[in-house]
Amino acid sequence: MEASTSHRTAESGGRKIRVVVAKPGLDGHDRGAKIIARALRDAGMEVIYTGLHQTPEQIAETVIQEDAHAIGLSVLSGAHMTLVPRVAELLKEQGADDVVLTVGGTIPADDIPELKKLGVAEVFTPGASTQEIVDFIRERAGG
């Protein structure tokens, strides 16, 4: 019984929750993104990992093509105030502003309110647990 409950919570409208995990910009550090991608996958979600050095345009296109329910942007380069707003803008232009947009990485606390005004559902900074991220995606994209 537990397994079916767990499986059901990783679905959205009868389908698995689909999450795009992306590394925008020139940031070449993807260990954290891979850890999050694995945690989401292990929680029963379908994860599409875009790899390193993705442009906002490539990321938005992947979200649309994959019919994703959520996106997690991993930014460690300090370019979050340029890259994240551009991804949000592109998603809105494509009519995909209902996709749950999350950001993780080294994001200064002072920038978090501005990112949320731009449509970011949550910002996960270093120290956030993988379970916290899984639970958030499940709650916001699951139903």
C-alpha atoms as a PDB file:
ATOM      1  CA  MET A   1       0.000   0.000   0.000  1.00  0.00           C
ATOM      2  CA  GLU A   2       2.817   2.445   0.819  1.00  0.00           C
ATOM      3  CA  ALA A   3       4.433   2.057  -2.592  1.00  0.00           C
ATOM      4  CA  SER A   4       1.267   2.955  -4.477  1.00  0.00           C
ATOM      5  CA  THR A   5       0.727   6.020  -2.281  1.00  0.00           C
ATOM      6  CA  SER A   6       4.297   7.130  -2.931  1.00  0.00           C
ATOM      7  CA  HIS A   7       3.886   6.543  -6.651  1.00  0.00           C
ATOM      8  CA  ARG A   8       0.598   8.428  -6.786  1.00  0.00           C
ATOM      9  CA  THR A   9       2.098  11.486  -5.094  1.00  0.00           C
ATOM     10  CA  ALA A  10       4.713  11.697  -7.842  1.00  0.00           C
ATOM     11  CA  GLU A  11       2.006  12.039 -10.484  1.00  0.00           C
ATOM     12  CA  SER A  12       0.244  15.059 -11.895  1.00  0.00           C
ATOM     13  CA  GLY A  13      -3.101  14.449 -13.537  1.00  0.00           C
ATOM     14  CA  GLY A  14      -2.392  10.730 -13.966  1.00  0.00           C
ATOM     15  CA  ARG A  15       1.126  11.345 -15.313  1.00  0.00           C
ATOM     16  CA  LYS A  16       4.478  11.388 -13.580  1.00  0.00           C
ATOM     17  CA  ILE A  17       5.668  14.805 -12.522  1.00  0.00           C
ATOM     18  CA  ARG A  18       8.151  15.930 -15.178  1.00  0.00           C
ATOM     19  CA  VAL A  19      10.954  18.179 -13.954  1.00  0.00           C
ATOM     20  CA  VAL A  20      13.607  19.890 -16.046  1.00  0.00           C
ATOM     21  CA  VAL A  21      16.850  20.449 -14.126  1.00  0.00           C
ATOM     22  CA  ALA A  22      19.035  23.005 -15.888  1.00  0.00           C
ATOM     23  CA  LYS A  23      22.370  24.769 -15.508  1.00  0.00           C
ATOM     24  CA  PRO A  24      22.059  28.158 -17.222  1.00  0.00           C
ATOM     25  CA  GLY A  25      24.996  30.296 -18.262  1.00  0.00           C
ATOM     26  CA  LEU A  26      28.683  29.671 -17.915  1.00  0.00           C
ATOM     27  CA  ASP A  27      28.524  27.948 -14.535  1.00  0.00           C
ATOM     28  CA  GLY A  28      30.410  24.669 -14.866  1.00  0.00           C
ATOM     29  CA  HIS A  29      29.658  23.163 -11.463  1.00  0.00           C
ATOM     30  CA  ASP A  30      26.871  20.602 -11.700  1.00  0.00           C
ATOM     31  CA  ARG A  31      27.353  18.285  -8.741  1.00  0.00           C
ATOM     32  CA  GLY A  32      24.436  19.811  -6.815  1.00  0.00           C
ATOM     33  CA  ALA A  33      22.156  19.739  -9.858  1.00  0.00           C
ATOM     34  CA  LYS A  34      22.939  16.060 -10.380  1.00  0.00           C
ATOM     35  CA  ILE A  35      22.228  15.279  -6.719  1.00  0.00           C
ATOM     36  CA  ILE A  36      18.846  17.038  -6.963  1.00  0.00           C
ATOM     37  CA  ALA A  37      18.047  15.315 -10.261  1.00  0.00           C
ATOM     38  CA  ARG A  38      18.757  11.930  -8.701  1.00  0.00           C
ATOM     39  CA  ALA A  39      16.653  12.713  -5.593  1.00  0.00           C
ATOM     40  CA  LEU A  40      13.702  13.765  -7.753  1.00  0.00           C
ATOM     41  CA  ARG A  41      14.070  10.643  -9.897  1.00  0.00           C
ATOM     42  CA  ASP A  42      14.320   8.426  -6.828  1.00  0.00           C
ATOM     43  CA  ALA A  43      11.090  10.054  -5.584  1.00  0.00           C
ATOM     44  CA  GLY A  44       9.317   8.791  -8.717  1.00  0.00           C
ATOM     45  CA  MET A  45       9.512  11.884 -10.888  1.00  0.00           C
ATOM     46  CA  GLU A  46      10.674  11.981 -14.480  1.00  0.00           C
ATOM     47  CA  VAL A  47      13.754  14.196 -14.680  1.00  0.00           C
ATOM     48  CA  ILE A  48      15.202  15.802 -17.773  1.00  0.00           C
ATOM     49  CA  TYR A  49      18.715  17.093 -17.064  1.00  0.00           C
ATOM     50  CA  THR A  50      19.853  19.570 -19.707  1.00  0.00           C
ATOM     51  CA  GLY A  51      23.565  19.520 -18.936  1.00  0.00           C
ATOM     52  CA  LEU A  52      25.923  22.454 -18.556  1.00  0.00           C
ATOM     53  CA  HIS A  53      26.050  25.853 -20.237  1.00  0.00           C
ATOM     54  CA  GLN A  54      22.437  26.136 -21.346  1.00  0.00           C
ATOM     55  CA  THR A  55      21.011  29.414 -22.619  1.00  0.00           C
ATOM     56  CA  PRO A  56      17.677  30.621 -21.244  1.00  0.00           C
ATOM     57  CA  GLU A  57      16.242  29.983 -24.718  1.00  0.00           C
ATOM     58  CA  GLN A  58      17.435  26.360 -24.719  1.00  0.00           C
ATOM     59  CA  ILE A  59      16.027  25.823 -21.236  1.00  0.00           C
ATOM     60  CA  ALA A  60      12.615  27.289 -22.078  1.00  0.00           C
ATOM     61  CA  GLU A  61      12.491  25.218 -25.270  1.00  0.00           C
ATOM     62  CA  THR A  62      13.243  22.044 -23.299  1.00  0.00           C
ATOM     63  CA  VAL A  63      10.490  22.845 -20.792  1.00  0.00           C
ATOM     64  CA  ILE A  64       7.984  23.295 -23.645  1.00  0.00           C
ATOM     65  CA  GLN A  65       9.113  20.247 -25.632  1.00  0.00           C
ATOM     66  CA  GLU A  66       9.114  17.989 -22.589  1.00  0.00           C
ATOM     67  CA  ASP A  67       5.753  19.303 -21.321  1.00  0.00           C
ATOM     68  CA  ALA A  68       7.377  19.771 -17.916  1.00  0.00           C
ATOM     69  CA  HIS A  69       5.430  20.516 -14.743  1.00  0.00           C
ATOM     70  CA  ALA A  70       8.420  22.062 -12.967  1.00  0.00           C
ATOM     71  CA  ILE A  71      11.867  23.428 -13.621  1.00  0.00           C
ATOM     72  CA  GLY A  72      14.840  23.687 -11.311  1.00  0.00           C
ATOM     73  CA  LEU A  73      17.568  26.122 -12.269  1.00  0.00           C
ATOM     74  CA  SER A  74      20.926  25.639 -10.580  1.00  0.00           C
ATOM     75  CA  VAL A  75      22.969  28.839 -10.514  1.00  0.00           C
ATOM     76  CA  LEU A  76      26.287  29.185  -8.740  1.00  0.00           C
ATOM     77  CA  SER A  77      27.871  31.807 -11.013  1.00  0.00           C
ATOM     78  CA  GLY A  78      26.222  34.916  -9.582  1.00  0.00           C
ATOM     79  CA  ALA A  79      24.318  35.546 -12.832  1.00  0.00           C
ATOM     80  CA  HIS A  80      20.942  34.573 -11.340  1.00  0.00           C
ATOM     81  CA  MET A  81      19.486  38.092 -11.630  1.00  0.00           C
ATOM     82  CA  THR A  82      20.086  38.005 -15.395  1.00  0.00           C
ATOM     83  CA  LEU A  83      19.450  34.355 -16.267  1.00  0.00           C
ATOM     84  CA  VAL A  84      16.434  33.545 -14.086  1.00  0.00           C
ATOM     85  CA  PRO A  85      14.331  36.559 -15.181  1.00  0.00           C
ATOM     86  CA  ARG A  86      15.044  35.685 -18.831  1.00  0.00           C
ATOM     87  CA  VAL A  87      13.886  32.079 -18.354  1.00  0.00           C
ATOM     88  CA  ALA A  88      10.733  33.311 -16.570  1.00  0.00           C
ATOM     89  CA  GLU A  89      10.062  35.797 -19.392  1.00  0.00           C
ATOM     90  CA  LEU A  90      10.482  33.135 -22.087  1.00  0.00           C
ATOM     91  CA  LEU A  91       8.172  30.719 -20.264  1.00  0.00           C
ATOM     92  CA  LYS A  92       5.544  33.442 -19.988  1.00  0.00           C
ATOM     93  CA  GLU A  93       5.874  34.282 -23.698  1.00  0.00           C
ATOM     94  CA  GLN A  94       5.322  30.602 -24.528  1.00  0.00           C
ATOM     95  CA  GLY A  95       2.267  30.343 -22.272  1.00  0.00           C
ATOM     96  CA  ALA A  96       4.127  28.089 -19.851  1.00  0.00           C
ATOM     97  CA  ASP A  97       4.137  30.419 -16.857  1.00  0.00           C
ATOM     98  CA  ASP A  98       2.187  27.759 -14.953  1.00  0.00           C
ATOM     99  CA  VAL A  99       5.346  25.626 -14.802  1.00  0.00           C
ATOM    100  CA  VAL A 100       6.673  25.641 -11.225  1.00  0.00           C
ATOM    101  CA  LEU A 101       9.960  27.566 -11.409  1.00  0.00           C
ATOM    102  CA  THR A 102      12.510  26.909  -8.664  1.00  0.00           C
ATOM    103  CA  VAL A 103      16.072  28.093  -8.285  1.00  0.00           C
ATOM    104  CA  GLY A 104      18.898  26.587  -6.292  1.00  0.00           C
ATOM    105  CA  GLY A 105      22.441  27.630  -5.608  1.00  0.00           C
ATOM    106  CA  THR A 106      24.388  30.435  -4.059  1.00  0.00           C
ATOM    107  CA  ILE A 107      21.699  33.092  -4.095  1.00  0.00           C
ATOM    108  CA  PRO A 108      22.108  36.076  -1.736  1.00  0.00           C
ATOM    109  CA  ALA A 109      19.173  36.478   0.654  1.00  0.00           C
ATOM    110  CA  ASP A 110      18.641  40.048  -0.608  1.00  0.00           C
ATOM    111  CA  ASP A 111      17.905  38.737  -4.141  1.00  0.00           C
ATOM    112  CA  ILE A 112      15.296  36.148  -3.122  1.00  0.00           C
ATOM    113  CA  PRO A 113      12.313  38.545  -2.811  1.00  0.00           C
ATOM    114  CA  GLU A 114      13.032  39.988  -6.264  1.00  0.00           C
ATOM    115  CA  LEU A 115      13.271  36.510  -7.811  1.00  0.00           C
ATOM    116  CA  LYS A 116       9.940  35.596  -6.234  1.00  0.00           C
ATOM    117  CA  LYS A 117       8.354  38.770  -7.687  1.00  0.00           C
ATOM    118  CA  LEU A 118       9.536  37.548 -11.099  1.00  0.00           C
ATOM    119  CA  GLY A 119       7.666  34.266 -10.701  1.00  0.00           C
ATOM    120  CA  VAL A 120      10.109  31.986  -8.905  1.00  0.00           C
ATOM    121  CA  ALA A 121       8.092  29.687  -6.637  1.00  0.00           C
ATOM    122  CA  GLU A 122      10.978  28.912  -4.279  1.00  0.00           C
ATOM    123  CA  VAL A 123      14.710  29.475  -3.879  1.00  0.00           C
ATOM    124  CA  PHE A 124      16.767  26.694  -2.330  1.00  0.00           C
ATOM    125  CA  THR A 125      20.098  27.820  -0.950  1.00  0.00           C
ATOM    126  CA  PRO A 126      22.985  25.678   0.290  1.00  0.00           C
ATOM    127  CA  GLY A 127      21.815  23.606   3.232  1.00  0.00           C
ATOM    128  CA  ALA A 128      18.348  22.862   1.820  1.00  0.00           C
ATOM    129  CA  SER A 129      17.695  19.144   2.071  1.00  0.00           C
ATOM    130  CA  THR A 130      16.878  17.045  -0.965  1.00  0.00           C
ATOM    131  CA  GLN A 131      13.714  15.923   0.861  1.00  0.00           C
ATOM    132  CA  GLU A 132      12.613  19.538   1.270  1.00  0.00           C
ATOM    133  CA  ILE A 133      13.045  20.067  -2.485  1.00  0.00           C
ATOM    134  CA  VAL A 134      11.252  16.818  -3.382  1.00  0.00           C
ATOM    135  CA  ASP A 135       8.358  17.694  -1.066  1.00  0.00           C
ATOM    136  CA  PHE A 136       8.053  21.197  -2.507  1.00  0.00           C
ATOM    137  CA  ILE A 137       7.991  19.994  -6.124  1.00  0.00           C
ATOM    138  CA  ARG A 138       5.533  17.264  -5.250  1.00  0.00           C
ATOM    139  CA  GLU A 139       3.221  19.711  -3.469  1.00  0.00           C
ATOM    140  CA  ARG A 140       3.353  22.462  -6.098  1.00  0.00           C
ATOM    141  CA  ALA A 141       3.542  20.406  -9.318  1.00  0.00           C
ATOM    142  CA  GLY A 142       1.685  17.313  -8.234  1.00  0.00           C
ATOM    143  CA  GLY A 143      -1.779  18.354  -8.543  1.00  0.00           C
END
